[in-house]
Amino acid sequence: LPGRTVLASYPRSGNTLVRSLLESVTGFVTSSDTRADRPLSIALADRHGLVGEGRTVPPICKTHWPERVGCTSYDASRVIVLVRNPWDCIDSYWHLNLTNTHTEKVTD
């Protein structure tokens, strides 16, 4: 595919699942505009084999912009918008922020 396709979503909308599926089906490595040195990015890359974490190279790049203030801007030819129930996203994002993991939840 010429140009870059952006996978845009609110955090915790399932973009890791979609990236994994896209990589399996297309054979393309997906990338992400997050900082590769963040512990969450490292854990995500290791757990799901996402070797493009922290790179904004074509053909497919995940973004949470504008939530990711300060990230490098780039052009894209296409956009895939991933939408999940907002209540589920907010709840999941709350747990992520309090536990600093993609898998744990806050318990009573």
PDB file of N, CA and C in Angstrom:
ATOM      1  N   LEU A   1       0.836  -1.197   0.000  1.00  0.00           N
ATOM      2  CA  LEU A   1       0.000   0.000   0.000  1.00  0.00           C
ATOM      3  C   LEU A   1       0.869   1.244   0.000  1.00  0.00           C
ATOM      4  N   PRO A   2       0.642   2.151  -0.900  1.00  0.00           N
ATOM      5  CA  PRO A   2       1.402   3.396  -0.856  1.00  0.00           C
ATOM      6  C   PRO A   2       0.903   4.288   0.275  1.00  0.00           C
ATOM      7  N   GLY A   3       1.809   4.997   0.913  1.00  0.00           N
ATOM      8  CA  GLY A   3       1.422   5.894   2.001  1.00  0.00           C
ATOM      9  C   GLY A   3       1.202   5.158   3.306  1.00  0.00           C
ATOM     10  N   ARG A   4       0.752   5.898   4.277  1.00  0.00           N
ATOM     11  CA  ARG A   4       0.544   5.364   5.629  1.00  0.00           C
ATOM     12  C   ARG A   4      -0.944   5.293   5.943  1.00  0.00           C
ATOM     13  N   THR A   5      -1.345   4.215   6.599  1.00  0.00           N
ATOM     14  CA  THR A   5      -2.693   4.068   7.135  1.00  0.00           C
ATOM     15  C   THR A   5      -2.598   4.267   8.639  1.00  0.00           C
ATOM     16  N   VAL A   6      -3.458   5.103   9.189  1.00  0.00           N
ATOM     17  CA  VAL A   6      -3.470   5.364  10.621  1.00  0.00           C
ATOM     18  C   VAL A   6      -4.605   4.582  11.257  1.00  0.00           C
ATOM     19  N   LEU A   7      -4.304   3.877  12.338  1.00  0.00           N
ATOM     20  CA  LEU A   7      -5.296   3.206  13.162  1.00  0.00           C
ATOM     21  C   LEU A   7      -5.535   4.124  14.356  1.00  0.00           C
ATOM     22  N   ALA A   8      -6.641   4.870  14.324  1.00  0.00           N
ATOM     23  CA  ALA A   8      -6.917   5.886  15.344  1.00  0.00           C
ATOM     24  C   ALA A   8      -7.979   5.391  16.311  1.00  0.00           C
ATOM     25  N   SER A   9      -7.701   5.580  17.611  1.00  0.00           N
ATOM     26  CA  SER A   9      -8.664   5.158  18.616  1.00  0.00           C
ATOM     27  C   SER A   9      -8.399   5.839  19.950  1.00  0.00           C
ATOM     28  N   TYR A  10      -9.399   5.832  20.800  1.00  0.00           N
ATOM     29  CA  TYR A  10      -9.234   6.236  22.188  1.00  0.00           C
ATOM     30  C   TYR A  10      -8.481   5.095  22.874  1.00  0.00           C
ATOM     31  N   PRO A  11      -7.635   5.399  23.867  1.00  0.00           N
ATOM     32  CA  PRO A  11      -6.917   4.321  24.564  1.00  0.00           C
ATOM     33  C   PRO A  11      -7.874   3.254  25.109  1.00  0.00           C
ATOM     34  N   ARG A  12      -7.433   2.010  25.023  1.00  0.00           N
ATOM     35  CA  ARG A  12      -8.150   0.845  25.541  1.00  0.00           C
ATOM     36  C   ARG A  12      -9.355   0.464  24.695  1.00  0.00           C
ATOM     37  N   SER A  13      -9.313   0.834  23.415  1.00  0.00           N
ATOM     38  CA  SER A  13     -10.411   0.507  22.505  1.00  0.00           C
ATOM     39  C   SER A  13     -10.207  -0.816  21.778  1.00  0.00           C
ATOM     40  N   GLY A  14      -9.084  -1.460  21.980  1.00  0.00           N
ATOM     41  CA  GLY A  14      -8.821  -2.732  21.326  1.00  0.00           C
ATOM     42  C   GLY A  14      -7.847  -2.636  20.168  1.00  0.00           C
ATOM     43  N   ASN A  15      -7.052  -1.563  20.123  1.00  0.00           N
ATOM     44  CA  ASN A  15      -6.138  -1.408  18.998  1.00  0.00           C
ATOM     45  C   ASN A  15      -5.039  -2.457  18.982  1.00  0.00           C
ATOM     46  N   THR A  16      -4.646  -2.980  20.142  1.00  0.00           N
ATOM     47  CA  THR A  16      -3.627  -4.036  20.163  1.00  0.00           C
ATOM     48  C   THR A  16      -4.162  -5.293  19.475  1.00  0.00           C
ATOM     49  N   LEU A  17      -5.402  -5.639  19.748  1.00  0.00           N
ATOM     50  CA  LEU A  17      -6.027  -6.784  19.082  1.00  0.00           C
ATOM     51  C   LEU A  17      -6.095  -6.548  17.579  1.00  0.00           C
ATOM     52  N   VAL A  18      -6.529  -5.358  17.173  1.00  0.00           N
ATOM     53  CA  VAL A  18      -6.636  -5.050  15.747  1.00  0.00           C
ATOM     54  C   VAL A  18      -5.260  -5.058  15.091  1.00  0.00           C
ATOM     55  N   ARG A  19      -4.252  -4.485  15.765  1.00  0.00           N
ATOM     56  CA  ARG A  19      -2.895  -4.505  15.203  1.00  0.00           C
ATOM     57  C   ARG A  19      -2.401  -5.939  15.026  1.00  0.00           C
ATOM     58  N   SER A  20      -2.628  -6.785  16.019  1.00  0.00           N
ATOM     59  CA  SER A  20      -2.208  -8.188  15.923  1.00  0.00           C
ATOM     60  C   SER A  20      -2.902  -8.885  14.755  1.00  0.00           C
ATOM     61  N   LEU A  21      -4.201  -8.639  14.605  1.00  0.00           N
ATOM     62  CA  LEU A  21      -4.943  -9.240  13.489  1.00  0.00           C
ATOM     63  C   LEU A  21      -4.435  -8.722  12.148  1.00  0.00           C
ATOM     64  N   LEU A  22      -4.212  -7.403  12.047  1.00  0.00           N
ATOM     65  CA  LEU A  22      -3.698  -6.835  10.801  1.00  0.00           C
ATOM     66  C   LEU A  22      -2.334  -7.418  10.444  1.00  0.00           C
ATOM     67  N   GLU A  23      -1.466  -7.582  11.447  1.00  0.00           N
ATOM     68  CA  GLU A  23      -0.149  -8.163  11.181  1.00  0.00           C
ATOM     69  C   GLU A  23      -0.269  -9.602  10.714  1.00  0.00           C
ATOM     70  N   SER A  24      -1.178 -10.368  11.327  1.00  0.00           N
ATOM     71  CA  SER A  24      -1.357 -11.773  10.944  1.00  0.00           C
ATOM     72  C   SER A  24      -1.909 -11.906   9.531  1.00  0.00           C
ATOM     73  N   VAL A  25      -2.884 -11.074   9.197  1.00  0.00           N
ATOM     74  CA  VAL A  25      -3.559 -11.183   7.908  1.00  0.00           C
ATOM     75  C   VAL A  25      -2.733 -10.599   6.768  1.00  0.00           C
ATOM     76  N   THR A  26      -2.107  -9.435   6.993  1.00  0.00           N
ATOM     77  CA  THR A  26      -1.409  -8.750   5.905  1.00  0.00           C
ATOM     78  C   THR A  26       0.081  -9.063   5.833  1.00  0.00           C
ATOM     79  N   GLY A  27       0.671  -9.450   6.962  1.00  0.00           N
ATOM     80  CA  GLY A  27       2.112  -9.663   7.006  1.00  0.00           C
ATOM     81  C   GLY A  27       2.887  -8.374   7.216  1.00  0.00           C
ATOM     82  N   PHE A  28       2.187  -7.230   7.282  1.00  0.00           N
ATOM     83  CA  PHE A  28       2.830  -5.943   7.531  1.00  0.00           C
ATOM     84  C   PHE A  28       3.111  -5.775   9.018  1.00  0.00           C
ATOM     85  N   VAL A  29       4.221  -5.132   9.342  1.00  0.00           N
ATOM     86  CA  VAL A  29       4.494  -4.755  10.728  1.00  0.00           C
ATOM     87  C   VAL A  29       3.763  -3.451  10.984  1.00  0.00           C
ATOM     88  N   THR A  30       2.975  -3.398  12.055  1.00  0.00           N
ATOM     89  CA  THR A  30       2.302  -2.159  12.422  1.00  0.00           C
ATOM     90  C   THR A  30       3.200  -1.368  13.354  1.00  0.00           C
ATOM     91  N   SER A  31       3.002  -0.062  13.373  1.00  0.00           N
ATOM     92  CA  SER A  31       3.815   0.795  14.228  1.00  0.00           C
ATOM     93  C   SER A  31       2.914   1.593  15.162  1.00  0.00           C
ATOM     94  N   SER A  32       3.539   2.405  16.005  1.00  0.00           N
ATOM     95  CA  SER A  32       2.812   3.185  17.000  1.00  0.00           C
ATOM     96  C   SER A  32       3.543   4.493  17.243  1.00  0.00           C
ATOM     97  N   ASP A  33       2.786   5.555  17.513  1.00  0.00           N
ATOM     98  CA  ASP A  33       3.428   6.845  17.755  1.00  0.00           C
ATOM     99  C   ASP A  33       3.765   7.076  19.233  1.00  0.00           C
ATOM    100  N   THR A  34       3.703   6.044  20.022  1.00  0.00           N
ATOM    101  CA  THR A  34       4.065   6.166  21.432  1.00  0.00           C
ATOM    102  C   THR A  34       5.582   6.121  21.611  1.00  0.00           C
ATOM    103  N   ARG A  35       6.055   6.521  22.759  1.00  0.00           N
ATOM    104  CA  ARG A  35       7.493   6.432  23.047  1.00  0.00           C
ATOM    105  C   ARG A  35       7.849   4.973  23.338  1.00  0.00           C
ATOM    106  N   ALA A  36       8.818   4.457  22.633  1.00  0.00           N
ATOM    107  CA  ALA A  36       9.200   3.046  22.770  1.00  0.00           C
ATOM    108  C   ALA A  36       9.870   2.733  24.099  1.00  0.00           C
ATOM    109  N   ASP A  37      10.363   3.759  24.812  1.00  0.00           N
ATOM    110  CA  ASP A  37      11.064   3.511  26.073  1.00  0.00           C
ATOM    111  C   ASP A  37      10.133   3.496  27.288  1.00  0.00           C
ATOM    112  N   ARG A  38       8.838   3.731  27.109  1.00  0.00           N
ATOM    113  CA  ARG A  38       7.888   3.685  28.221  1.00  0.00           C
ATOM    114  C   ARG A  38       7.677   2.240  28.664  1.00  0.00           C
ATOM    115  N   PRO A  39       7.610   1.981  29.982  1.00  0.00           N
ATOM    116  CA  PRO A  39       7.381   0.610  30.458  1.00  0.00           C
ATOM    117  C   PRO A  39       6.141  -0.042  29.855  1.00  0.00           C
ATOM    118  N   LEU A  40       5.051   0.715  29.710  1.00  0.00           N
ATOM    119  CA  LEU A  40       3.844   0.148  29.114  1.00  0.00           C
ATOM    120  C   LEU A  40       4.070  -0.251  27.660  1.00  0.00           C
ATOM    121  N   SER A  41       4.824   0.542  26.920  1.00  0.00           N
ATOM    122  CA  SER A  41       5.113   0.222  25.521  1.00  0.00           C
ATOM    123  C   SER A  41       5.991  -1.021  25.409  1.00  0.00           C
ATOM    124  N   ILE A  42       6.962  -1.120  26.283  1.00  0.00           N
ATOM    125  CA  ILE A  42       7.862  -2.281  26.289  1.00  0.00           C
ATOM    126  C   ILE A  42       7.074  -3.551  26.603  1.00  0.00           C
ATOM    127  N   ALA A  43       6.211  -3.476  27.625  1.00  0.00           N
ATOM    128  CA  ALA A  43       5.401  -4.639  28.004  1.00  0.00           C
ATOM    129  C   ALA A  43       4.462  -5.051  26.876  1.00  0.00           C
ATOM    130  N   LEU A  44       3.868  -4.070  26.230  1.00  0.00           N
ATOM    131  CA  LEU A  44       2.954  -4.350  25.125  1.00  0.00           C
ATOM    132  C   LEU A  44       3.685  -5.011  23.961  1.00  0.00           C
ATOM    133  N   ALA A  45       4.831  -4.477  23.614  1.00  0.00           N
ATOM    134  CA  ALA A  45       5.624  -5.035  22.516  1.00  0.00           C
ATOM    135  C   ALA A  45       6.055  -6.465  22.822  1.00  0.00           C
ATOM    136  N   ASP A  46       6.508  -6.702  24.051  1.00  0.00           N
ATOM    137  CA  ASP A  46       6.953  -8.039  24.438  1.00  0.00           C
ATOM    138  C   ASP A  46       5.803  -9.037  24.479  1.00  0.00           C
ATOM    139  N   ARG A  47       4.700  -8.656  25.084  1.00  0.00           N
ATOM    140  CA  ARG A  47       3.575  -9.572  25.267  1.00  0.00           C
ATOM    141  C   ARG A  47       2.917  -9.968  23.945  1.00  0.00           C
ATOM    142  N   HIS A  48       2.838  -9.011  23.008  1.00  0.00           N
ATOM    143  CA  HIS A  48       2.114  -9.262  21.758  1.00  0.00           C
ATOM    144  C   HIS A  48       3.018  -9.311  20.528  1.00  0.00           C
ATOM    145  N   GLY A  49       4.327  -9.213  20.721  1.00  0.00           N
ATOM    146  CA  GLY A  49       5.253  -9.294  19.598  1.00  0.00           C
ATOM    147  C   GLY A  49       5.141  -8.135  18.625  1.00  0.00           C
ATOM    148  N   LEU A  50       4.771  -6.961  19.127  1.00  0.00           N
ATOM    149  CA  LEU A  50       4.611  -5.782  18.270  1.00  0.00           C
ATOM    150  C   LEU A  50       5.951  -5.061  18.148  1.00  0.00           C
ATOM    151  N   VAL A  51       6.741  -5.465  17.175  1.00  0.00           N
ATOM    152  CA  VAL A  51       8.106  -4.941  17.025  1.00  0.00           C
ATOM    153  C   VAL A  51       8.129  -3.498  16.532  1.00  0.00           C
ATOM    154  N   GLY A  52       7.011  -2.989  16.026  1.00  0.00           N
ATOM    155  CA  GLY A  52       6.955  -1.618  15.532  1.00  0.00           C
ATOM    156  C   GLY A  52       6.552  -0.601  16.580  1.00  0.00           C
ATOM    157  N   GLU A  53       6.443  -1.017  17.831  1.00  0.00           N
ATOM    158  CA  GLU A  53       6.031  -0.103  18.906  1.00  0.00           C
ATOM    159  C   GLU A  53       7.028   1.046  19.019  1.00  0.00           C
ATOM    160  N   GLY A  54       6.517   2.276  18.987  1.00  0.00           N
ATOM    161  CA  GLY A  54       7.376   3.443  19.116  1.00  0.00           C
ATOM    162  C   GLY A  54       7.953   3.959  17.805  1.00  0.00           C
ATOM    163  N   ARG A  55       7.524   3.397  16.690  1.00  0.00           N
ATOM    164  CA  ARG A  55       7.994   3.849  15.370  1.00  0.00           C
ATOM    165  C   ARG A  55       6.801   4.347  14.575  1.00  0.00           C
ATOM    166  N   THR A  56       6.987   5.310  13.742  1.00  0.00           N
ATOM    167  CA  THR A  56       5.880   5.818  12.918  1.00  0.00           C
ATOM    168  C   THR A  56       6.139   5.562  11.443  1.00  0.00           C
ATOM    169  N   VAL A  57       6.599   4.381  11.153  1.00  0.00           N
ATOM    170  CA  VAL A  57       6.904   4.030   9.761  1.00  0.00           C
ATOM    171  C   VAL A  57       5.689   3.389   9.092  1.00  0.00           C
ATOM    172  N   PRO A  58       5.570   3.552   7.775  1.00  0.00           N
ATOM    173  CA  PRO A  58       4.471   2.904   7.056  1.00  0.00           C
ATOM    174  C   PRO A  58       4.582   1.392   7.175  1.00  0.00           C
ATOM    175  N   PRO A  59       3.549   0.640   6.890  1.00  0.00           N
ATOM    176  CA  PRO A  59       2.322   1.104   6.265  1.00  0.00           C
ATOM    177  C   PRO A  59       1.190   1.420   7.251  1.00  0.00           C
ATOM    178  N   ILE A  60       1.195   0.857   8.465  1.00  0.00           N
ATOM    179  CA  ILE A  60       0.079   1.049   9.398  1.00  0.00           C
ATOM    180  C   ILE A  60       0.620   1.561  10.728  1.00  0.00           C
ATOM    181  N   CYS A  61       0.073   2.675  11.207  1.00  0.00           N
ATOM    182  CA  CYS A  61       0.550   3.267  12.455  1.00  0.00           C
ATOM    183  C   CYS A  61      -0.623   3.553  13.391  1.00  0.00           C
ATOM    184  N   LYS A  62      -0.535   3.045  14.622  1.00  0.00           N
ATOM    185  CA  LYS A  62      -1.556   3.295  15.644  1.00  0.00           C
ATOM    186  C   LYS A  62      -1.315   4.654  16.288  1.00  0.00           C
ATOM    187  N   THR A  63      -2.423   5.367  16.554  1.00  0.00           N
ATOM    188  CA  THR A  63      -2.315   6.619  17.292  1.00  0.00           C
ATOM    189  C   THR A  63      -3.510   6.794  18.217  1.00  0.00           C
ATOM    190  N   HIS A  64      -3.268   7.502  19.318  1.00  0.00           N
ATOM    191  CA  HIS A  64      -4.348   7.925  20.210  1.00  0.00           C
ATOM    192  C   HIS A  64      -4.470   9.443  20.163  1.00  0.00           C
ATOM    193  N   TRP A  65      -3.885  10.078  19.126  1.00  0.00           N
ATOM    194  CA  TRP A  65      -3.946  11.521  19.032  1.00  0.00           C
ATOM    195  C   TRP A  65      -5.401  11.957  19.004  1.00  0.00           C
ATOM    196  N   PRO A  66      -5.800  12.999  19.711  1.00  0.00           N
ATOM    197  CA  PRO A  66      -5.007  14.020  20.383  1.00  0.00           C
ATOM    198  C   PRO A  66      -4.672  13.699  21.837  1.00  0.00           C
ATOM    199  N   GLU A  67      -5.010  12.505  22.309  1.00  0.00           N
ATOM    200  CA  GLU A  67      -4.653  12.138  23.694  1.00  0.00           C
ATOM    201  C   GLU A  67      -3.145  12.152  23.878  1.00  0.00           C
ATOM    202  N   ARG A  68      -2.394  11.822  22.845  1.00  0.00           N
ATOM    203  CA  ARG A  68      -0.938  11.790  22.911  1.00  0.00           C
ATOM    204  C   ARG A  68      -0.354  13.145  22.555  1.00  0.00           C
ATOM    205  N   VAL A  69      -0.510  14.109  23.409  1.00  0.00           N
ATOM    206  CA  VAL A  69       0.002  15.451  23.156  1.00  0.00           C
ATOM    207  C   VAL A  69       1.526  15.407  23.078  1.00  0.00           C
ATOM    208  N   GLY A  70       2.083  16.099  22.109  1.00  0.00           N
ATOM    209  CA  GLY A  70       3.523  16.188  21.986  1.00  0.00           C
ATOM    210  C   GLY A  70       4.160  15.157  21.067  1.00  0.00           C
ATOM    211  N   CYS A  71       3.379  14.233  20.529  1.00  0.00           N
ATOM    212  CA  CYS A  71       3.935  13.245  19.604  1.00  0.00           C
ATOM    213  C   CYS A  71       4.256  13.903  18.270  1.00  0.00           C
ATOM    214  N   THR A  72       5.169  13.295  17.571  1.00  0.00           N
ATOM    215  CA  THR A  72       5.544  13.789  16.256  1.00  0.00           C
ATOM    216  C   THR A  72       4.359  13.677  15.305  1.00  0.00           C
ATOM    217  N   SER A  73       4.115  14.731  14.538  1.00  0.00           N
ATOM    218  CA  SER A  73       3.032  14.674  13.562  1.00  0.00           C
ATOM    219  C   SER A  73       3.539  14.031  12.266  1.00  0.00           C
ATOM    220  N   TYR A  74       2.628  13.464  11.503  1.00  0.00           N
ATOM    221  CA  TYR A  74       2.977  12.801  10.251  1.00  0.00           C
ATOM    222  C   TYR A  74       1.750  12.756   9.361  1.00  0.00           C
ATOM    223  N   ASP A  75       1.971  12.547   8.087  1.00  0.00           N
ATOM    224  CA  ASP A  75       0.887  12.481   7.112  1.00  0.00           C
ATOM    225  C   ASP A  75       0.394  11.047   6.966  1.00  0.00           C
ATOM    226  N   ALA A  76      -0.850  10.934   6.535  1.00  0.00           N
ATOM    227  CA  ALA A  76      -1.429   9.615   6.293  1.00  0.00           C
ATOM    228  C   ALA A  76      -2.337   9.684   5.064  1.00  0.00           C
ATOM    229  N   SER A  77      -2.458   8.563   4.395  1.00  0.00           N
ATOM    230  CA  SER A  77      -3.323   8.470   3.218  1.00  0.00           C
ATOM    231  C   SER A  77      -4.703   7.922   3.571  1.00  0.00           C
ATOM    232  N   ARG A  78      -4.759   7.100   4.617  1.00  0.00           N
ATOM    233  CA  ARG A  78      -6.003   6.453   5.024  1.00  0.00           C
ATOM    234  C   ARG A  78      -6.094   6.411   6.541  1.00  0.00           C
ATOM    235  N   VAL A  79      -7.323   6.293   7.049  1.00  0.00           N
ATOM    236  CA  VAL A  79      -7.535   6.191   8.489  1.00  0.00           C
ATOM    237  C   VAL A  79      -8.528   5.066   8.767  1.00  0.00           C
ATOM    238  N   ILE A  80      -8.183   4.230   9.730  1.00  0.00           N
ATOM    239  CA  ILE A  80      -9.114   3.252  10.283  1.00  0.00           C
ATOM    240  C   ILE A  80      -9.472   3.784  11.667  1.00  0.00           C
ATOM    241  N   VAL A  81     -10.746   4.057  11.905  1.00  0.00           N
ATOM    242  CA  VAL A  81     -11.177   4.561  13.203  1.00  0.00           C
ATOM    243  C   VAL A  81     -11.779   3.395  13.974  1.00  0.00           C
ATOM    244  N   LEU A  82     -11.179   3.105  15.111  1.00  0.00           N
ATOM    245  CA  LEU A  82     -11.629   2.001  15.951  1.00  0.00           C
ATOM    246  C   LEU A  82     -12.460   2.568  17.096  1.00  0.00           C
ATOM    247  N   VAL A  83     -13.692   2.091  17.232  1.00  0.00           N
ATOM    248  CA  VAL A  83     -14.606   2.612  18.249  1.00  0.00           C
ATOM    249  C   VAL A  83     -15.062   1.466  19.148  1.00  0.00           C
ATOM    250  N   ARG A  84     -15.041   1.721  20.444  1.00  0.00           N
ATOM    251  CA  ARG A  84     -15.515   0.767  21.449  1.00  0.00           C
ATOM    252  C   ARG A  84     -16.493   1.503  22.361  1.00  0.00           C
ATOM    253  N   ASN A  85     -17.331   0.773  23.043  1.00  0.00           N
ATOM    254  CA  ASN A  85     -18.248   1.381  24.002  1.00  0.00           C
ATOM    255  C   ASN A  85     -17.463   2.313  24.926  1.00  0.00           C
ATOM    256  N   PRO A  86     -17.817   3.599  24.984  1.00  0.00           N
ATOM    257  CA  PRO A  86     -17.046   4.555  25.786  1.00  0.00           C
ATOM    258  C   PRO A  86     -16.949   4.184  27.261  1.00  0.00           C
ATOM    259  N   TRP A  87     -17.998   3.626  27.814  1.00  0.00           N
ATOM    260  CA  TRP A  87     -17.954   3.253  29.240  1.00  0.00           C
ATOM    261  C   TRP A  87     -16.894   2.182  29.484  1.00  0.00           C
ATOM    262  N   ASP A  88     -16.793   1.224  28.575  1.00  0.00           N
ATOM    263  CA  ASP A  88     -15.783   0.168  28.709  1.00  0.00           C
ATOM    264  C   ASP A  88     -14.374   0.734  28.560  1.00  0.00           C
ATOM    265  N   CYS A  89     -14.190   1.652  27.612  1.00  0.00           N
ATOM    266  CA  CYS A  89     -12.872   2.282  27.407  1.00  0.00           C
ATOM    267  C   CYS A  89     -12.442   3.074  28.632  1.00  0.00           C
ATOM    268  N   ILE A  90     -13.344   3.885  29.161  1.00  0.00           N
ATOM    269  CA  ILE A  90     -13.013   4.732  30.300  1.00  0.00           C
ATOM    270  C   ILE A  90     -12.672   3.877  31.517  1.00  0.00           C
ATOM    271  N   ASP A  91     -13.459   2.839  31.749  1.00  0.00           N
ATOM    272  CA  ASP A  91     -13.187   1.937  32.880  1.00  0.00           C
ATOM    273  C   ASP A  91     -11.830   1.259  32.716  1.00  0.00           C
ATOM    274  N   SER A  92     -11.560   0.746  31.531  1.00  0.00           N
ATOM    275  CA  SER A  92     -10.295   0.063  31.275  1.00  0.00           C
ATOM    276  C   SER A  92      -9.110   1.021  31.374  1.00  0.00           C
ATOM    277  N   TYR A  93      -9.279   2.239  30.855  1.00  0.00           N
ATOM    278  CA  TYR A  93      -8.214   3.248  30.913  1.00  0.00           C
ATOM    279  C   TYR A  93      -7.933   3.676  32.353  1.00  0.00           C
ATOM    280  N   TRP A  94      -8.972   3.741  33.170  1.00  0.00           N
ATOM    281  CA  TRP A  94      -8.816   4.072  34.586  1.00  0.00           C
ATOM    282  C   TRP A  94      -7.943   3.013  35.271  1.00  0.00           C
ATOM    283  N   HIS A  95      -8.233   1.742  35.029  1.00  0.00           N
ATOM    284  CA  HIS A  95      -7.425   0.656  35.607  1.00  0.00           C
ATOM    285  C   HIS A  95      -5.981   0.730  35.118  1.00  0.00           C
ATOM    286  N   LEU A  96      -5.787   0.983  33.821  1.00  0.00           N
ATOM    287  CA  LEU A  96      -4.440   1.084  33.267  1.00  0.00           C
ATOM    288  C   LEU A  96      -3.649   2.192  33.966  1.00  0.00           C
ATOM    289  N   ASN A  97      -4.268   3.336  34.164  1.00  0.00           N
ATOM    290  CA  ASN A  97      -3.566   4.455  34.789  1.00  0.00           C
ATOM    291  C   ASN A  97      -3.229   4.198  36.255  1.00  0.00           C
ATOM    292  N   LEU A  98      -4.082   3.481  36.956  1.00  0.00           N
ATOM    293  CA  LEU A  98      -3.823   3.223  38.372  1.00  0.00           C
ATOM    294  C   LEU A  98      -2.876   2.052  38.610  1.00  0.00           C
ATOM    295  N   THR A  99      -2.858   1.078  37.702  1.00  0.00           N
ATOM    296  CA  THR A  99      -1.983  -0.085  37.889  1.00  0.00           C
ATOM    297  C   THR A  99      -0.703  -0.003  37.054  1.00  0.00           C
ATOM    298  N   ASN A 100      -0.695   0.870  36.045  1.00  0.00           N
ATOM    299  CA  ASN A 100       0.414   1.005  35.109  1.00  0.00           C
ATOM    300  C   ASN A 100       0.731  -0.323  34.399  1.00  0.00           C
ATOM    301  N   THR A 101      -0.323  -1.087  34.146  1.00  0.00           N
ATOM    302  CA  THR A 101      -0.201  -2.333  33.376  1.00  0.00           C
ATOM    303  C   THR A 101      -1.381  -2.423  32.396  1.00  0.00           C
ATOM    304  N   HIS A 102      -1.236  -3.276  31.402  1.00  0.00           N
ATOM    305  CA  HIS A 102      -2.329  -3.529  30.457  1.00  0.00           C
ATOM    306  C   HIS A 102      -3.233  -4.658  30.921  1.00  0.00           C
ATOM    307  N   THR A 103      -2.871  -5.358  31.982  1.00  0.00           N
ATOM    308  CA  THR A 103      -3.607  -6.578  32.339  1.00  0.00           C
ATOM    309  C   THR A 103      -4.225  -6.579  33.736  1.00  0.00           C
ATOM    310  N   GLU A 104      -3.739  -5.757  34.648  1.00  0.00           N
ATOM    311  CA  GLU A 104      -4.238  -5.802  36.018  1.00  0.00           C
ATOM    312  C   GLU A 104      -5.391  -4.833  36.229  1.00  0.00           C
ATOM    313  N   LYS A 105      -6.180  -5.114  37.281  1.00  0.00           N
ATOM    314  CA  LYS A 105      -7.294  -4.245  37.655  1.00  0.00           C
ATOM    315  C   LYS A 105      -7.145  -3.835  39.109  1.00  0.00           C
ATOM    316  N   VAL A 106      -7.693  -2.690  39.441  1.00  0.00           N
ATOM    317  CA  VAL A 106      -7.743  -2.234  40.832  1.00  0.00           C
ATOM    318  C   VAL A 106      -8.859  -3.019  41.517  1.00  0.00           C
ATOM    319  N   THR A 107      -8.563  -3.549  42.682  1.00  0.00           N
ATOM    320  CA  THR A 107      -9.565  -4.289  43.431  1.00  0.00           C
ATOM    321  C   THR A 107      -9.843  -3.588  44.755  1.00  0.00           C
ATOM    322  N   ASP A 108     -10.951  -3.948  45.358  1.00  0.00           N
ATOM    323  CA  ASP A 108     -11.317  -3.348  46.660  1.00  0.00           C
ATOM    324  C   ASP A 108     -10.310  -3.656  47.734  1.00  0.00           C
TER     325      ASP A 108
END
